[in-house]
Amino acid sequence: MSFDVITIYYIFLVLLVFDFLIWVFLEYLNKTRWNDELPVELSEIYDEEKYKKSMSYEREKYVFSKFSNIFSSALIFIFVLFWFFWKIFDYIISFWFWEFFSTLLFFLVLFLAQSFVNLPFSYYYTFVIEQKYWFNKMDKKLFFQDFIKSLILTIIIWWILLSIIILIYFFAWKYFWILAWALMVWFSTFMLMFYSSLIVPIFNKQTPLENWSLREKIEDFAKKVGFRLDNIFVIDWSKRSTKANAYFSGLWPKKRIVLFDTLISDLTDEELVWVLAHEIGHYKKKHTLQMLIFSIIQTGIIFYVLWIVLNYTEFSLALGSNSWSFALWVIAFSIIFSPLSLIFGVLWNIFSRKNEYEADEFAGKNHNLEDLKTSLIKLSKNNLSNLRPHPLYEFFYYSHPTLLKRLDVLDKIKN
C-alpha cells in the first residue's frame, strides 16, 4: 500500500478541523438548553437564586473553554500547516545527532511549551472563575507549587516510559506494539494499585478516618454486605477547593476508600455511609477491574495503530520531514487517532454511566434510599452542576448520569 504525502498532509488538516468542529457543535447544542427560568423538574432541587447561579457558572465555563480551545486548536493547526513540528525536531537533531536523545528532547520541549502555554489559562480559571463562585481555596503559592510538582513528576515518569518505548522501537521492531503495550499495561496496573499511596501524598495529606462514630457506621455497613474494609482515608482537599468527592482506588490488598474532607463537612453521617455504599458497590460489581480491562484493550489498539503508522515513511514526510522520524511519526499518529480517540471516549463514558447506575442500585438496595437522594442533591447543588445538559452532549462527555436520571433510578428501586 502506498500513500501520497500531499494527500496525507491535507488529511491531517481536515482531521484537526473536524475534531474542533465536533466540539463546537456539541457546545452549541448544550448552550441551547440554558435558561434562567427554573425548570419545573428542578424546582425541588434548586431554588430560583441557586439555579441562576449555576447557569451563570455554566456560561462562564463555556466562554473560558471556548477561548482556550480555539487557542490550542489554532496553535496545533498552525504547527501542522507550516511544518513547525519538523522544524523544531530538525533544529534539535542538528545539535544532537543520535535520534534517541533528540526524540526525548523534542517531546520534552513540546511538553514544557504546552505546560507553560496552558499555565495562564489554568491560573485564570482557578483565581477568576472558581474564585468568583467560592470554589477555590488555593493561594497562589500552593497553585505554583502544584504546577512545579506536576511538571517534575510528569517529566520523570514519562521520560522513563518514553525512553523504554523508543528503545523497544530501535531494538525490537518486530514486537514493538506488543512489548510497548505490555509496558503500558504493567504501568497502568501499577498506578491503579499504588497511585493513592505513592502519588497523592506528594500533593495532599491522607489520614485515617478519625471520626469513630462515622467509622463504626461504615464498618457495620461493610460487614453487612460482605466487604472487607481495611483502609478509610480522609484527604485534605479543602485547602484547594470547596467541591466534594470520594473515590475508590487500588486492587486486592491495596484497595482503599478516600473521602474528601469537604464531603465530610457537607453531608451527615448517614449520607456519608451512602457514599461509601456507592463506592463499595463499584468494587462488588467489579467495575474497577472492568474499566482496567477496557483500558488494556484500548491501549493495545493504540499501539497497534501506532505500529501501522510507523511502517509508512509518508506519515513522517507529510509533517515536513525529509526522511523517517520516530518523533514525527508519533505526532502523525496522534492526529490520525483523534477520531478513534473520540469513539473510545464515548464508549468509556457509556460504561462509566452504566457502572454508576449499578453502584447506585447496589447502595439503594442495601442502605436508606432517602439518604442516597439527599446526598446526591446536596452534592449537585453545592457543585453548581448543570442538571439539564443536551442529551447528545451528555452522551459524548458525561461520565456520570445526570442527577435527575439517578433519582429516577432510585425511585424505581423504592417502588
Protein backbone atom coordinates (compact mmCIF):
# COMPACT_ATOMS: atom_id res chain seq x y z
CA MET A 1 0.00 0.00 0.00
CA SER A 2 1.34 3.44 -0.85
CA PHE A 3 0.26 6.84 0.35
CA ASP A 4 0.52 10.22 -1.30
CA VAL A 5 2.36 12.62 1.04
CA ILE A 6 0.36 15.68 -0.02
CA THR A 7 -2.93 13.82 0.48
CA ILE A 8 -1.87 12.77 3.97
CA TYR A 9 -0.88 16.37 4.75
CA TYR A 10 -4.38 17.58 3.86
CA ILE A 11 -5.98 14.68 5.76
CA PHE A 12 -4.10 15.87 8.86
CA LEU A 13 -5.53 19.38 8.46
CA VAL A 14 -9.07 18.07 7.82
CA LEU A 15 -8.95 15.82 10.90
CA LEU A 16 -7.83 18.75 13.09
CA VAL A 17 -10.69 20.92 11.78
CA PHE A 18 -13.18 18.06 12.14
CA ASP A 19 -12.16 17.48 15.76
CA PHE A 20 -12.64 21.17 16.54
CA LEU A 21 -16.00 21.42 14.75
CA ILE A 22 -17.36 18.41 16.66
CA TRP A 23 -16.53 20.24 19.89
CA VAL A 24 -18.12 23.50 18.61
CA PHE A 25 -21.31 21.67 17.55
CA LEU A 26 -21.73 19.84 20.86
CA GLU A 27 -21.07 23.01 22.87
CA TYR A 28 -23.66 24.85 20.76
CA LEU A 29 -26.26 22.13 21.40
CA ASN A 30 -25.58 22.25 25.11
CA LYS A 31 -25.88 26.03 25.10
CA THR A 32 -29.43 25.77 23.70
CA ARG A 33 -30.50 24.13 26.97
CA TRP A 34 -29.56 27.12 29.11
CA ASN A 35 -32.42 29.06 30.65
CA ASP A 36 -32.51 31.37 33.66
CA GLU A 37 -36.06 30.37 34.49
CA LEU A 38 -36.12 27.49 36.96
CA PRO A 39 -37.42 24.37 35.14
CA VAL A 40 -40.32 22.59 36.83
CA GLU A 41 -38.41 19.31 37.13
CA LEU A 42 -35.68 21.08 39.13
CA SER A 43 -37.96 23.05 41.47
CA GLU A 44 -37.47 20.57 44.33
CA ILE A 45 -33.69 20.64 43.93
CA TYR A 46 -32.73 24.24 43.17
CA ASP A 47 -34.28 27.46 44.36
CA GLU A 48 -34.50 30.35 41.87
CA GLU A 49 -31.34 32.09 43.03
CA LYS A 50 -29.21 28.94 43.21
CA TYR A 51 -30.32 27.85 39.75
CA LYS A 52 -29.42 31.22 38.22
CA LYS A 53 -26.03 30.95 39.87
CA SER A 54 -25.49 27.51 38.35
CA MET A 55 -26.41 28.86 34.90
CA SER A 56 -24.05 31.79 35.34
CA TYR A 57 -21.27 29.39 36.33
CA GLU A 58 -22.02 27.24 33.26
CA ARG A 59 -21.82 30.26 30.95
CA GLU A 60 -18.51 31.44 32.35
CA LYS A 61 -17.01 27.97 31.99
CA TYR A 62 -18.26 27.86 28.40
CA VAL A 63 -16.70 31.21 27.47
CA PHE A 64 -13.43 30.14 29.07
CA SER A 65 -13.37 26.77 27.32
CA LYS A 66 -14.27 28.43 24.01
CA PHE A 67 -11.26 30.74 24.08
CA SER A 68 -8.84 28.14 25.45
CA ASN A 69 -9.98 25.52 22.91
CA ILE A 70 -9.81 27.93 19.97
CA PHE A 71 -6.32 28.95 21.05
CA SER A 72 -4.97 25.41 21.46
CA SER A 73 -6.68 24.09 18.29
CA ALA A 74 -5.39 27.01 16.21
CA LEU A 75 -1.88 26.52 17.59
CA ILE A 76 -1.76 22.83 16.63
CA PHE A 77 -3.28 23.60 13.21
CA ILE A 78 -0.60 26.23 12.53
CA PHE A 79 2.16 23.84 13.66
CA VAL A 80 0.94 21.22 11.17
CA LEU A 81 0.17 23.71 8.39
CA PHE A 82 3.64 25.28 8.44
CA TRP A 83 5.59 22.14 9.42
CA PHE A 84 6.74 23.63 12.73
CA PHE A 85 6.91 20.19 14.40
CA TRP A 86 9.50 19.10 11.85
CA LYS A 87 11.40 22.41 12.08
CA ILE A 88 11.70 22.05 15.88
CA PHE A 89 12.85 18.43 15.60
CA ASP A 90 15.27 19.26 12.77
CA TYR A 91 16.79 22.05 14.86
CA ILE A 92 17.21 19.73 17.87
CA ILE A 93 18.72 16.86 15.89
CA SER A 94 21.20 19.22 14.23
CA PHE A 95 22.82 19.60 17.67
CA TRP A 96 22.24 16.05 18.89
CA PHE A 97 22.63 13.51 16.12
CA TRP A 98 21.51 10.37 17.95
CA GLU A 99 17.76 10.16 17.37
CA PHE A 100 17.10 8.51 20.73
CA PHE A 101 18.13 11.60 22.70
CA SER A 102 16.83 14.02 20.06
CA THR A 103 13.37 12.41 20.29
CA LEU A 104 13.35 12.60 24.09
CA LEU A 105 14.41 16.24 23.97
CA PHE A 106 11.82 17.02 21.29
CA PHE A 107 8.94 15.70 23.38
CA LEU A 108 10.33 17.39 26.48
CA VAL A 109 10.36 20.73 24.64
CA LEU A 110 6.77 20.20 23.44
CA PHE A 111 5.59 19.19 26.91
CA LEU A 112 7.23 22.19 28.59
CA ALA A 113 5.89 24.55 25.92
CA GLN A 114 2.37 23.16 26.31
CA SER A 115 2.57 23.35 30.12
CA PHE A 116 3.66 26.99 30.18
CA VAL A 117 1.22 28.00 27.44
CA ASN A 118 -1.64 26.42 29.44
CA LEU A 119 -0.48 27.95 32.73
CA PRO A 120 -2.19 31.37 32.25
CA PHE A 121 -5.45 29.62 31.33
CA SER A 122 -5.27 27.42 34.41
CA TYR A 123 -4.44 30.45 36.57
CA TYR A 124 -7.40 32.41 35.21
CA TYR A 125 -9.81 29.50 35.66
CA THR A 126 -8.69 28.97 39.27
CA PHE A 127 -8.36 32.53 40.52
CA VAL A 128 -11.09 34.22 38.50
CA ILE A 129 -13.89 31.74 37.69
CA GLU A 130 -13.55 29.27 40.58
CA GLN A 131 -12.78 32.13 42.98
CA LYS A 132 -15.88 34.06 41.89
CA TYR A 133 -18.14 31.13 42.78
CA TRP A 134 -16.39 30.40 46.08
CA PHE A 135 -14.93 27.08 44.96
CA ASN A 136 -11.25 27.96 45.01
CA LYS A 137 -9.40 27.72 48.34
CA MET A 138 -5.85 27.75 46.97
CA ASP A 139 -3.48 30.63 47.41
CA LYS A 140 -1.01 31.48 44.66
CA LYS A 141 1.87 29.77 46.44
CA LEU A 142 0.06 26.43 46.52
CA PHE A 143 -1.04 26.85 42.90
CA PHE A 144 2.53 27.25 41.66
CA GLN A 145 3.80 24.52 43.98
CA ASP A 146 1.27 22.12 42.42
CA PHE A 147 2.32 23.24 38.96
CA ILE A 148 6.03 22.62 39.61
CA LYS A 149 5.40 19.27 41.34
CA SER A 150 3.16 18.07 38.49
CA LEU A 151 5.72 19.21 35.94
CA ILE A 152 8.63 17.38 37.59
CA LEU A 153 6.61 14.25 38.32
CA THR A 154 5.27 14.00 34.76
CA ILE A 155 8.71 14.56 33.24
CA ILE A 156 10.28 11.83 35.39
CA ILE A 157 7.55 9.24 34.78
CA TRP A 158 7.07 9.86 31.07
CA TRP A 159 10.78 10.30 30.41
CA ILE A 160 11.36 6.77 31.73
CA LEU A 161 8.39 5.27 29.85
CA LEU A 162 9.18 7.07 26.60
CA SER A 163 12.84 6.05 26.82
CA ILE A 164 11.86 2.38 27.10
CA ILE A 165 9.32 2.66 24.25
CA ILE A 166 11.91 4.28 21.94
CA LEU A 167 14.47 1.59 22.82
CA ILE A 168 11.87 -1.08 22.04
CA TYR A 169 11.30 0.59 18.67
CA PHE A 170 15.03 0.62 17.84
CA PHE A 171 15.97 -2.83 19.13
CA ALA A 172 12.76 -4.93 18.95
CA TRP A 173 10.91 -3.50 15.97
CA LYS A 174 9.10 -6.75 15.10
CA TYR A 175 7.47 -6.93 18.53
CA PHE A 176 7.18 -3.17 19.09
CA TRP A 177 3.44 -2.84 19.61
CA ILE A 178 3.18 -5.95 21.80
CA LEU A 179 6.12 -5.02 24.07
CA ALA A 180 5.06 -1.35 24.31
CA TRP A 181 1.52 -2.49 25.10
CA ALA A 182 2.79 -4.84 27.81
CA LEU A 183 4.83 -1.99 29.33
CA MET A 184 1.83 0.33 29.49
CA VAL A 185 -0.44 -2.40 30.88
CA TRP A 186 2.06 -3.01 33.66
CA PHE A 187 2.34 0.73 34.34
CA SER A 188 -1.46 1.24 34.37
CA THR A 189 -1.96 -1.66 36.78
CA PHE A 190 0.86 -0.43 39.00
CA MET A 191 -0.59 3.09 39.12
CA LEU A 192 -4.08 1.76 39.83
CA MET A 193 -2.74 -0.15 42.82
CA PHE A 194 -0.29 2.40 44.20
CA TYR A 195 -1.48 5.83 42.99
CA SER A 196 -3.11 6.74 46.31
CA SER A 197 -0.11 5.66 48.37
CA LEU A 198 2.67 6.99 46.11
CA ILE A 199 1.38 9.96 44.09
CA VAL A 200 -1.41 11.52 46.14
CA PRO A 201 0.81 12.18 49.22
CA ILE A 202 3.03 14.42 47.07
CA PHE A 203 0.11 16.85 46.79
CA ASN A 204 -2.24 16.06 49.66
CA LYS A 205 -2.18 14.70 53.17
CA GLN A 206 -4.15 11.48 53.68
CA THR A 207 -5.05 10.48 57.19
CA PRO A 208 -7.09 7.54 58.51
CA LEU A 209 -10.70 8.45 59.28
CA GLU A 210 -10.76 9.53 62.94
CA ASN A 211 -14.50 10.08 63.32
CA TRP A 212 -15.14 6.87 65.26
CA SER A 213 -18.90 7.17 65.14
CA LEU A 214 -18.83 7.51 61.35
CA ARG A 215 -16.15 4.83 61.03
CA GLU A 216 -18.26 2.40 63.07
CA LYS A 217 -21.31 3.00 60.86
CA ILE A 218 -19.22 2.49 57.72
CA GLU A 219 -17.66 -0.70 59.07
CA ASP A 220 -21.08 -2.03 60.09
CA PHE A 221 -22.35 -1.47 56.57
CA ALA A 222 -19.24 -3.11 55.06
CA LYS A 223 -19.77 -6.21 57.23
CA LYS A 224 -23.44 -6.30 56.25
CA VAL A 225 -22.61 -6.55 52.54
CA GLY A 226 -19.58 -8.83 53.00
CA PHE A 227 -16.91 -6.29 52.10
CA ARG A 228 -13.55 -6.36 53.88
CA LEU A 229 -12.72 -2.73 54.59
CA ASP A 230 -9.18 -2.11 55.83
CA ASN A 231 -8.49 1.46 54.79
CA ILE A 232 -10.70 4.56 55.02
CA PHE A 233 -8.73 7.73 54.43
CA VAL A 234 -9.58 11.42 54.52
CA ILE A 235 -7.81 13.76 52.11
CA ASP A 236 -7.31 17.46 52.92
CA TRP A 237 -8.99 18.70 49.75
CA SER A 238 -10.35 21.80 51.49
CA LYS A 239 -7.00 23.55 51.04
CA ARG A 240 -7.68 23.56 47.28
CA SER A 241 -11.44 23.61 46.74
CA THR A 242 -14.85 23.51 48.39
CA LYS A 243 -16.05 20.84 45.92
CA ALA A 244 -16.65 17.44 47.47
CA ASN A 245 -15.97 13.93 46.25
CA ALA A 246 -14.92 10.41 47.22
CA TYR A 247 -13.22 7.65 45.28
CA PHE A 248 -12.24 4.01 45.43
CA SER A 249 -8.72 3.09 44.36
CA GLY A 250 -6.44 0.09 44.19
CA LEU A 251 -6.97 -3.60 43.69
CA TRP A 252 -6.95 -6.57 46.01
CA PRO A 253 -4.91 -5.89 49.20
CA LYS A 254 -4.12 -2.35 48.03
CA LYS A 255 -7.73 -1.20 47.80
CA ARG A 256 -8.75 1.87 49.76
CA ILE A 257 -11.60 4.33 50.01
CA VAL A 258 -10.74 8.02 50.14
CA LEU A 259 -13.13 10.71 51.37
CA PHE A 260 -12.59 14.41 50.73
CA ASP A 261 -12.74 16.40 53.96
CA THR A 262 -15.15 18.75 52.17
CA LEU A 263 -17.51 15.80 51.72
CA ILE A 264 -17.46 15.08 55.45
CA SER A 265 -18.35 18.69 56.22
CA ASP A 266 -21.19 18.78 53.66
CA LEU A 267 -23.00 15.52 54.48
CA THR A 268 -24.45 13.83 57.54
CA ASP A 269 -23.01 10.54 58.79
CA GLU A 270 -25.88 8.56 57.25
CA GLU A 271 -25.39 10.29 53.90
CA LEU A 272 -21.67 9.58 54.08
CA VAL A 273 -22.41 5.90 54.64
CA TRP A 274 -24.34 6.03 51.37
CA VAL A 275 -21.30 7.48 49.59
CA LEU A 276 -19.26 4.57 50.90
CA ALA A 277 -22.04 2.15 49.94
CA HIS A 278 -21.87 3.51 46.40
CA GLU A 279 -18.07 3.12 46.28
CA ILE A 280 -18.28 -0.41 47.73
CA GLY A 281 -20.88 -1.13 45.04
CA HIS A 282 -18.25 -0.35 42.39
CA TYR A 283 -15.95 -2.94 43.94
CA LYS A 284 -18.62 -5.58 44.47
CA LYS A 285 -19.73 -5.20 40.85
CA LYS A 286 -16.08 -5.45 39.71
CA HIS A 287 -16.23 -2.08 37.95
CA THR A 288 -12.59 -1.21 38.66
CA LEU A 289 -11.48 -4.45 37.04
CA GLN A 290 -13.85 -3.96 34.09
CA MET A 291 -12.54 -0.46 33.38
CA LEU A 292 -8.96 -1.72 33.70
CA ILE A 293 -9.69 -4.39 31.07
CA PHE A 294 -11.30 -1.73 28.83
CA SER A 295 -8.20 0.43 29.27
CA ILE A 296 -5.90 -2.52 28.44
CA ILE A 297 -7.82 -3.25 25.21
CA GLN A 298 -7.78 0.44 24.27
CA THR A 299 -4.03 0.68 24.90
CA GLY A 300 -3.43 -2.41 22.73
CA ILE A 301 -5.36 -0.84 19.83
CA ILE A 302 -3.46 2.44 20.29
CA PHE A 303 -0.06 0.77 19.99
CA TYR A 304 -1.19 -1.45 17.11
CA VAL A 305 -2.35 1.61 15.12
CA LEU A 306 0.90 3.39 16.02
CA TRP A 307 2.84 0.35 14.77
CA ILE A 308 0.97 0.53 11.43
CA VAL A 309 1.77 4.25 11.11
CA LEU A 310 5.44 3.52 11.84
CA ASN A 311 5.52 1.26 8.76
CA TYR A 312 4.98 4.15 6.37
CA THR A 313 7.55 6.93 5.91
CA GLU A 314 4.90 9.07 4.19
CA PHE A 315 3.27 9.93 7.52
CA SER A 316 6.53 11.44 8.72
CA LEU A 317 7.16 13.20 5.39
CA ALA A 318 3.67 14.75 5.47
CA LEU A 319 4.75 16.79 8.51
CA GLY A 320 7.67 18.24 6.55
CA SER A 321 10.47 15.79 7.28
CA ASN A 322 12.96 14.75 4.59
CA SER A 323 13.14 11.18 5.93
CA TRP A 324 11.55 8.90 8.53
CA SER A 325 11.47 10.11 12.11
CA PHE A 326 10.00 8.34 15.14
CA ALA A 327 9.13 11.68 16.78
CA LEU A 328 7.12 12.91 13.78
CA TRP A 329 5.52 9.51 13.32
CA VAL A 330 4.14 9.84 16.86
CA ILE A 331 2.79 13.34 16.09
CA ALA A 332 1.19 11.99 12.89
CA PHE A 333 -0.34 9.11 14.83
CA SER A 334 -1.83 11.46 17.44
CA ILE A 335 -3.65 13.35 14.66
CA ILE A 336 -4.81 10.22 12.81
CA PHE A 337 -6.01 8.59 16.00
CA SER A 338 -8.23 11.54 17.05
CA PRO A 339 -11.49 10.09 15.59
CA LEU A 340 -10.82 6.75 17.28
CA SER A 341 -9.98 8.60 20.47
CA LEU A 342 -13.40 10.28 20.32
CA ILE A 343 -15.06 6.87 19.92
CA PHE A 344 -13.09 5.42 22.84
CA GLY A 345 -14.10 8.40 24.97
CA VAL A 346 -17.77 7.82 24.19
CA LEU A 347 -17.50 4.09 24.94
CA TRP A 348 -15.68 4.83 28.21
CA ASN A 349 -18.45 7.22 29.27
CA ILE A 350 -21.17 4.70 28.34
CA PHE A 351 -19.52 2.05 30.52
CA SER A 352 -18.91 4.59 33.29
CA ARG A 353 -22.56 5.72 33.36
CA LYS A 354 -23.70 2.09 33.41
CA ASN A 355 -21.40 1.45 36.36
CA GLU A 356 -22.72 4.48 38.24
CA TYR A 357 -26.29 3.23 37.87
CA GLU A 358 -25.26 -0.21 39.11
CA ALA A 359 -23.38 1.23 42.09
CA ASP A 360 -26.42 3.39 42.93
CA GLU A 361 -28.67 0.34 42.69
CA PHE A 362 -26.36 -1.65 44.97
CA ALA A 363 -26.34 1.17 47.52
CA GLY A 364 -30.10 1.66 47.18
CA LYS A 365 -30.85 -1.98 47.92
CA ASN A 366 -28.55 -2.06 50.93
CA HIS A 367 -29.00 1.37 52.52
CA ASN A 368 -31.62 4.02 53.22
CA LEU A 369 -32.90 5.44 49.93
CA GLU A 370 -33.65 8.89 51.32
CA ASP A 371 -30.02 9.30 52.40
CA LEU A 372 -28.93 8.43 48.88
CA LYS A 373 -31.22 11.00 47.33
CA THR A 374 -30.44 13.85 49.74
CA SER A 375 -26.69 13.32 49.43
CA LEU A 376 -26.87 13.37 45.62
CA ILE A 377 -28.97 16.55 45.69
CA LYS A 378 -26.63 18.26 48.18
CA LEU A 379 -23.54 17.44 46.11
CA SER A 380 -25.14 18.66 42.89
CA LYS A 381 -26.31 21.92 44.49
CA ASN A 382 -23.01 22.61 46.21
CA ASN A 383 -21.05 21.97 42.99
CA LEU A 384 -23.50 24.06 40.88
CA SER A 385 -23.88 21.12 38.49
CA ASN A 386 -25.66 21.54 35.18
CA LEU A 387 -28.62 19.19 35.64
CA ARG A 388 -30.12 19.59 32.15
CA PRO A 389 -27.35 19.11 29.57
CA HIS A 390 -28.29 18.43 25.97
CA PRO A 391 -28.72 14.64 25.53
CA LEU A 392 -26.07 14.45 22.79
CA TYR A 393 -23.60 16.50 24.84
CA GLU A 394 -24.27 14.23 27.80
CA PHE A 395 -23.77 11.15 25.59
CA PHE A 396 -20.33 12.35 24.45
CA TYR A 397 -18.92 13.96 27.58
CA TYR A 398 -20.68 12.87 30.79
CA SER A 399 -19.03 10.05 32.70
CA HIS A 400 -21.82 10.15 35.32
CA PRO A 401 -25.59 10.19 34.71
CA THR A 402 -27.36 13.44 35.47
CA LEU A 403 -28.91 13.86 38.90
CA LEU A 404 -32.50 13.58 37.62
CA LYS A 405 -31.77 10.25 35.94
CA ARG A 406 -30.08 8.89 39.05
CA LEU A 407 -33.01 9.95 41.23
CA ASP A 408 -35.40 8.31 38.78
CA VAL A 409 -33.50 5.02 39.08
CA LEU A 410 -33.58 5.24 42.88
CA ASP A 411 -37.35 5.85 42.78
CA LYS A 412 -37.80 2.68 40.76
CA ILE A 413 -35.85 0.73 43.39
CA LYS A 414 -38.15 2.15 46.03
CA ASN A 415 -41.23 1.14 44.09
